[in-house]
Amino acid sequence: MKENFRVFFRWIPILFIGIAIGLTIKATLAWVEPDQMPPGGNIAAPLNTGNAGQIKTGGLILNTGGATLGLIVERGLVGIGTNNPQATLDVNGNIKANNIEVTGKINAQEISINGVPLSSLMPSGMIAYFDLTTCPTGWSEVPSAKGRYLVGTQNSANKNLTVGQALGDGENRPVGQHAHGVYDPGHTHGVYDPGHAHGVYDPGHTHGFPGLGCNGYSPWNCNSIVIDANGLNNLPNSLDKRGVGIGIYGSGSNIGIYGSGTGIGINNAGSAPGTNAPYIEFLTCRKN
């Protein structure tokens, strides 16, 4: 029994030597000779925690495990598409995103919405109202619009034409000055006369007697009838009708005309007092 243990322990060193020789042969057969002169073809060093800058020619994929914070750049400038960034994030190229939230200002040479430049949506000469005390940058106030309503022009040659007197600040103008015609369905006037008399004045006149024949009608000779300014001569007293100073003259005073009206008047139109067009004032500006 003791002899068997001595034989076993005698073969153990030989066994380990054989294993070592086998591994060496395997490694030798697996080794591939470099196809470039050093240092070409060297395996790239891994990213490490050193403070020296590192360059990686291959792509970099991060956070495949779903960490809460995928990438944090604590300090410095980040450049995409440029190796000389001038801002915290400097992108030389296009940015595509579903939503972009900006809490500060946007400075841009041109902004497009759905491919349409924003400058074409607000062209030079555009008129807009602002709830501001001064016009925004790039806009100028339109003084002629103060106190006026804006309406579309019938003729482009008459643009900026102003008509009528502008409203004062806060003025409540019910209606502009105009004229009215009066419709009268009819009325009458009476005459007031406290009493008067008429006299007759006759500077002289004559009478003729057509159809009155002398023969067989009167007992006197017709040739003896004389008609002069004083009347009829040679007639019986009953026929001597003289007229002197015939005329009419009046004696009266305070004759007047009084009216009988029918309540003619002009009624108001509408029920709400004040201006015909209620308004609110805003600042009117034109795009430069």
Protein backbone atom coordinates (compact mmCIF):
# COMPACT_ATOMS: atom_id res chain seq x y z
CA MET A 1 0.00 0.00 0.00
CA LYS A 2 2.76 2.35 0.90
CA GLU A 3 4.48 1.44 -2.32
CA ASN A 4 1.44 2.53 -4.36
CA PHE A 5 1.38 6.02 -2.77
CA ARG A 6 5.04 6.45 -3.55
CA VAL A 7 4.37 5.69 -7.23
CA PHE A 8 1.39 8.16 -7.33
CA PHE A 9 3.29 11.05 -5.87
CA ARG A 10 6.20 10.32 -8.23
CA TRP A 11 3.88 10.96 -11.30
CA ILE A 12 2.33 14.23 -10.04
CA PRO A 13 5.26 16.48 -11.11
CA ILE A 14 5.31 14.79 -14.48
CA LEU A 15 1.53 15.48 -14.89
CA PHE A 16 1.87 19.21 -14.19
CA ILE A 17 4.80 19.49 -16.55
CA GLY A 18 2.71 17.88 -19.32
CA ILE A 19 -0.19 20.29 -18.74
CA ALA A 20 2.14 23.28 -18.91
CA ILE A 21 3.70 22.06 -22.12
CA GLY A 22 0.22 21.54 -23.66
CA LEU A 23 -0.95 25.05 -22.82
CA THR A 24 2.21 26.55 -24.24
CA ILE A 25 1.76 24.68 -27.48
CA LYS A 26 -1.91 25.84 -27.72
CA ALA A 27 -0.98 29.45 -27.16
CA THR A 28 1.76 29.23 -29.72
CA LEU A 29 -0.58 27.87 -32.34
CA ALA A 30 -3.26 30.61 -31.56
CA TRP A 31 -0.89 33.59 -31.86
CA VAL A 32 -1.19 35.62 -35.12
CA GLU A 33 1.79 37.53 -36.31
CA PRO A 34 1.25 41.34 -36.67
CA ASP A 35 0.70 42.55 -40.22
CA GLN A 36 1.99 46.09 -39.49
CA MET A 37 5.12 47.59 -38.09
CA PRO A 38 4.83 48.80 -34.49
CA PRO A 39 3.00 50.75 -33.22
CA GLY A 40 0.55 50.18 -36.04
CA GLY A 41 -2.18 47.70 -35.35
CA ASN A 42 -1.92 48.14 -31.60
CA ILE A 43 -5.10 47.51 -29.60
CA ALA A 44 -6.72 50.81 -28.51
CA ALA A 45 -6.41 51.65 -24.87
CA PRO A 46 -9.66 51.63 -22.94
CA LEU A 47 -11.32 54.85 -21.59
CA ASN A 48 -10.05 55.46 -18.11
CA THR A 49 -10.38 57.90 -15.27
CA GLY A 50 -7.23 59.82 -16.06
CA ASN A 51 -7.20 63.61 -16.50
CA ALA A 52 -5.64 63.52 -19.95
CA GLY A 53 -7.82 64.01 -23.03
CA GLN A 54 -8.59 60.86 -24.96
CA ILE A 55 -9.59 60.22 -28.54
CA LYS A 56 -11.70 57.29 -29.64
CA THR A 57 -11.99 56.62 -33.33
CA GLY A 58 -14.90 54.25 -32.94
CA GLY A 59 -18.44 54.93 -31.88
CA LEU A 60 -19.46 55.30 -28.27
CA ILE A 61 -22.68 53.78 -26.99
CA LEU A 62 -23.71 54.57 -23.46
CA ASN A 63 -26.26 53.48 -20.91
CA THR A 64 -27.40 50.24 -22.46
CA GLY A 65 -28.31 49.17 -18.96
CA GLY A 66 -30.93 51.92 -18.51
CA ALA A 67 -29.31 54.07 -15.80
CA THR A 68 -31.25 57.12 -14.65
CA LEU A 69 -28.49 59.49 -15.78
CA GLY A 70 -27.17 58.48 -19.17
CA LEU A 71 -24.47 61.14 -19.68
CA ILE A 72 -23.35 64.07 -17.57
CA VAL A 73 -20.80 66.61 -18.69
CA GLU A 74 -20.05 68.47 -15.49
CA ARG A 75 -17.83 71.18 -16.92
CA GLY A 76 -16.55 72.53 -20.20
CA LEU A 77 -17.97 72.95 -23.67
CA VAL A 78 -19.45 70.19 -25.80
CA GLY A 79 -19.08 70.26 -29.55
CA ILE A 80 -20.97 68.14 -32.08
CA GLY A 81 -19.66 68.43 -35.58
CA THR A 82 -16.90 70.75 -34.41
CA ASN A 83 -13.70 70.32 -32.40
CA ASN A 84 -13.75 73.94 -31.33
CA PRO A 85 -17.05 74.52 -29.51
CA GLN A 86 -17.92 78.12 -28.61
CA ALA A 87 -20.88 77.41 -26.34
CA THR A 88 -21.96 74.92 -23.69
CA LEU A 89 -23.42 72.89 -26.57
CA ASP A 90 -22.16 73.84 -30.00
CA VAL A 91 -23.78 71.88 -32.84
CA ASN A 92 -22.54 72.31 -36.39
CA GLY A 93 -25.48 70.75 -38.21
CA ASN A 94 -29.20 70.16 -37.92
CA ILE A 95 -31.08 69.31 -34.73
CA LYS A 96 -34.22 67.19 -34.95
CA ALA A 97 -36.51 66.87 -31.95
CA ASN A 98 -40.16 66.24 -31.22
CA ASN A 99 -40.26 69.05 -28.67
CA ILE A 100 -37.81 71.79 -27.72
CA GLU A 101 -38.34 73.75 -24.53
CA VAL A 102 -36.50 77.05 -24.25
CA THR A 103 -36.68 79.06 -21.04
CA GLY A 104 -34.50 81.91 -22.30
CA LYS A 105 -34.03 83.79 -25.56
CA ILE A 106 -33.51 82.40 -29.06
CA ASN A 107 -31.01 84.23 -31.26
CA ALA A 108 -31.18 83.14 -34.87
CA GLN A 109 -30.52 84.54 -38.31
CA GLU A 110 -33.64 82.81 -39.65
CA ILE A 111 -36.45 80.72 -38.15
CA SER A 112 -38.73 78.55 -40.28
CA ILE A 113 -42.07 76.96 -39.39
CA ASN A 114 -42.98 73.90 -41.46
CA GLY A 115 -40.36 74.98 -43.95
CA VAL A 116 -41.75 78.52 -44.24
CA PRO A 117 -39.35 81.26 -43.09
CA LEU A 118 -40.76 83.22 -40.18
CA SER A 119 -39.74 86.45 -41.92
CA SER A 120 -42.25 85.70 -44.69
CA LEU A 121 -45.00 85.22 -42.06
CA MET A 122 -44.28 88.72 -40.71
CA PRO A 123 -43.17 90.69 -43.78
CA SER A 124 -42.06 94.30 -43.79
CA GLY A 125 -45.06 96.65 -43.62
CA MET A 126 -47.22 94.27 -41.56
CA ILE A 127 -49.59 96.06 -39.13
CA ALA A 128 -50.20 94.56 -35.68
CA TYR A 129 -51.60 95.54 -32.28
CA PHE A 130 -49.55 95.12 -29.10
CA ASP A 131 -50.48 95.29 -25.43
CA LEU A 132 -47.26 97.22 -24.80
CA THR A 133 -46.18 100.80 -24.15
CA THR A 134 -43.59 100.74 -26.95
CA CYS A 135 -43.30 98.73 -30.15
CA PRO A 136 -41.05 95.62 -30.09
CA THR A 137 -37.64 95.61 -31.70
CA GLY A 138 -38.01 95.68 -35.46
CA TRP A 139 -41.40 97.46 -35.30
CA SER A 140 -42.36 101.16 -35.44
CA GLU A 141 -45.46 102.93 -34.13
CA VAL A 142 -48.11 104.15 -36.62
CA PRO A 143 -49.12 107.64 -35.37
CA SER A 144 -51.92 108.06 -37.94
CA ALA A 145 -53.72 105.02 -36.45
CA LYS A 146 -54.24 106.72 -33.09
CA GLY A 147 -57.96 107.13 -32.42
CA ARG A 148 -58.99 105.48 -35.70
CA TYR A 149 -60.50 102.20 -36.82
CA LEU A 150 -58.58 100.28 -39.49
CA VAL A 151 -60.50 99.20 -42.60
CA GLY A 152 -59.44 97.51 -45.81
CA THR A 153 -58.64 99.84 -48.69
CA GLN A 154 -60.65 99.79 -51.92
CA ASN A 155 -57.65 101.03 -53.88
CA SER A 156 -54.04 100.21 -52.99
CA ALA A 157 -53.06 103.69 -54.16
CA ASN A 158 -55.08 105.09 -51.22
CA LYS A 159 -53.35 103.07 -48.51
CA ASN A 160 -52.69 105.10 -45.36
CA LEU A 161 -55.61 107.39 -46.31
CA THR A 162 -57.24 108.93 -43.22
CA VAL A 163 -60.87 110.10 -43.18
CA GLY A 164 -62.68 112.09 -40.51
CA GLN A 165 -61.59 113.43 -37.15
CA ALA A 166 -59.75 110.94 -34.95
CA LEU A 167 -61.22 110.03 -31.57
CA GLY A 168 -59.63 111.59 -28.54
CA ASP A 169 -58.13 109.40 -25.84
CA GLY A 170 -61.12 107.59 -24.31
CA GLU A 171 -63.62 109.76 -26.21
CA ASN A 172 -67.23 108.52 -26.24
CA ARG A 173 -68.60 110.02 -29.46
CA PRO A 174 -72.27 108.99 -29.95
CA VAL A 175 -72.40 110.08 -33.59
CA GLY A 176 -70.66 112.41 -36.01
CA GLN A 177 -72.20 115.76 -36.95
CA HIS A 178 -74.94 115.39 -39.59
CA ALA A 179 -78.31 116.82 -40.72
CA HIS A 180 -81.90 115.54 -40.47
CA GLY A 181 -84.90 116.14 -42.69
CA VAL A 182 -88.34 116.73 -41.11
CA TYR A 183 -91.46 114.89 -42.21
CA ASP A 184 -94.71 116.81 -41.47
CA PRO A 185 -97.94 114.88 -42.03
CA GLY A 186 -99.73 118.24 -42.17
CA HIS A 187 -100.78 121.02 -39.80
CA THR A 188 -102.93 124.19 -39.84
CA HIS A 189 -102.67 127.85 -38.82
CA GLY A 190 -105.43 130.10 -37.49
CA VAL A 191 -105.68 133.92 -37.71
CA TYR A 192 -106.24 136.00 -34.62
CA ASP A 193 -107.99 139.39 -35.21
CA PRO A 194 -109.00 141.48 -32.22
CA GLY A 195 -111.33 143.42 -34.57
CA HIS A 196 -110.90 145.93 -37.39
CA ALA A 197 -113.03 148.03 -39.82
CA HIS A 198 -112.83 149.01 -43.48
CA GLY A 199 -113.70 152.36 -45.07
CA VAL A 200 -114.53 153.02 -48.73
CA TYR A 201 -112.69 155.64 -50.79
CA ASP A 202 -113.83 156.51 -54.37
CA PRO A 203 -111.90 159.11 -56.39
CA GLY A 204 -114.75 159.01 -58.94
CA HIS A 205 -116.30 156.52 -61.33
CA THR A 206 -119.05 156.22 -63.93
CA HIS A 207 -121.99 153.96 -64.60
CA GLY A 208 -123.30 152.64 -67.86
CA PHE A 209 -126.73 151.27 -68.53
CA PRO A 210 -126.47 148.47 -71.06
CA GLY A 211 -129.81 147.08 -72.13
CA LEU A 212 -131.73 150.07 -70.79
CA GLY A 213 -133.61 151.74 -73.71
CA CYS A 214 -135.12 155.21 -73.46
CA ASN A 215 -137.94 154.82 -75.95
CA GLY A 216 -141.04 153.48 -74.30
CA TYR A 217 -139.20 153.01 -71.02
CA SER A 218 -138.66 156.48 -69.51
CA PRO A 219 -140.65 159.65 -69.74
CA TRP A 220 -137.58 161.79 -70.46
CA ASN A 221 -135.47 162.37 -73.48
CA CYS A 222 -132.40 160.14 -73.60
CA ASN A 223 -130.46 162.92 -75.31
CA SER A 224 -130.85 165.01 -72.17
CA ILE A 225 -129.04 162.39 -69.97
CA VAL A 226 -125.52 163.49 -69.18
CA ILE A 227 -123.03 161.22 -67.42
CA ASP A 228 -120.05 162.89 -65.89
CA ALA A 229 -117.65 162.31 -62.97
CA ASN A 230 -120.27 163.58 -60.54
CA GLY A 231 -122.88 161.06 -61.58
CA LEU A 232 -125.95 161.26 -63.79
CA ASN A 233 -127.49 164.66 -64.58
CA ASN A 234 -131.02 165.38 -65.59
CA LEU A 235 -132.30 162.19 -63.94
CA PRO A 236 -134.90 161.94 -61.26
CA ASN A 237 -133.47 162.00 -57.76
CA SER A 238 -134.31 158.35 -57.31
CA LEU A 239 -131.93 157.46 -60.17
CA ASP A 240 -129.11 159.90 -59.42
CA LYS A 241 -126.67 157.55 -57.77
CA ARG A 242 -123.44 159.48 -57.34
CA GLY A 243 -120.33 157.85 -55.91
CA VAL A 244 -117.50 159.88 -54.41
CA GLY A 245 -114.19 158.59 -52.96
CA ILE A 246 -114.76 154.87 -53.42
CA GLY A 247 -111.99 152.80 -51.76
CA ILE A 248 -111.28 150.48 -48.86
CA TYR A 249 -108.93 151.30 -46.03
CA GLY A 250 -108.42 149.34 -42.86
CA SER A 251 -108.57 150.23 -39.25
CA GLY A 252 -107.27 147.50 -37.01
CA SER A 253 -104.26 146.31 -35.08
CA ASN A 254 -102.65 143.19 -33.51
CA ILE A 255 -103.69 140.91 -36.34
CA GLY A 256 -101.60 137.71 -36.01
CA ILE A 257 -101.30 134.06 -37.00
CA TYR A 258 -101.32 131.32 -34.49
CA GLY A 259 -100.47 127.68 -35.21
CA SER A 260 -102.14 124.43 -34.50
CA GLY A 261 -99.27 121.86 -34.34
CA THR A 262 -99.37 118.09 -34.51
CA GLY A 263 -96.46 117.31 -32.16
CA ILE A 264 -93.70 117.26 -34.80
CA GLY A 265 -90.41 116.02 -33.31
CA ILE A 266 -87.35 113.79 -33.90
CA ASN A 267 -87.11 110.52 -31.98
CA ASN A 268 -83.88 108.85 -30.82
CA ALA A 269 -82.70 105.77 -32.70
CA GLY A 270 -81.27 102.82 -30.77
CA SER A 271 -81.45 101.95 -27.10
CA ALA A 272 -77.84 102.02 -25.87
CA PRO A 273 -76.28 105.43 -25.23
CA GLY A 274 -72.72 106.29 -26.21
CA THR A 275 -70.52 105.57 -29.20
CA ASN A 276 -71.85 103.50 -32.10
CA ALA A 277 -68.70 101.34 -32.07
CA PRO A 278 -67.34 100.43 -28.60
CA TYR A 279 -63.57 100.08 -28.73
CA ILE A 280 -60.43 99.15 -26.80
CA GLU A 281 -57.12 100.90 -27.30
CA PHE A 282 -53.90 99.05 -28.17
CA LEU A 283 -50.56 100.15 -29.54
CA THR A 284 -50.49 99.98 -33.37
CA CYS A 285 -47.10 99.10 -34.89
CA ARG A 286 -45.71 98.47 -38.39
CA LYS A 287 -43.01 95.86 -39.15
CA ASN A 288 -39.84 97.54 -40.33
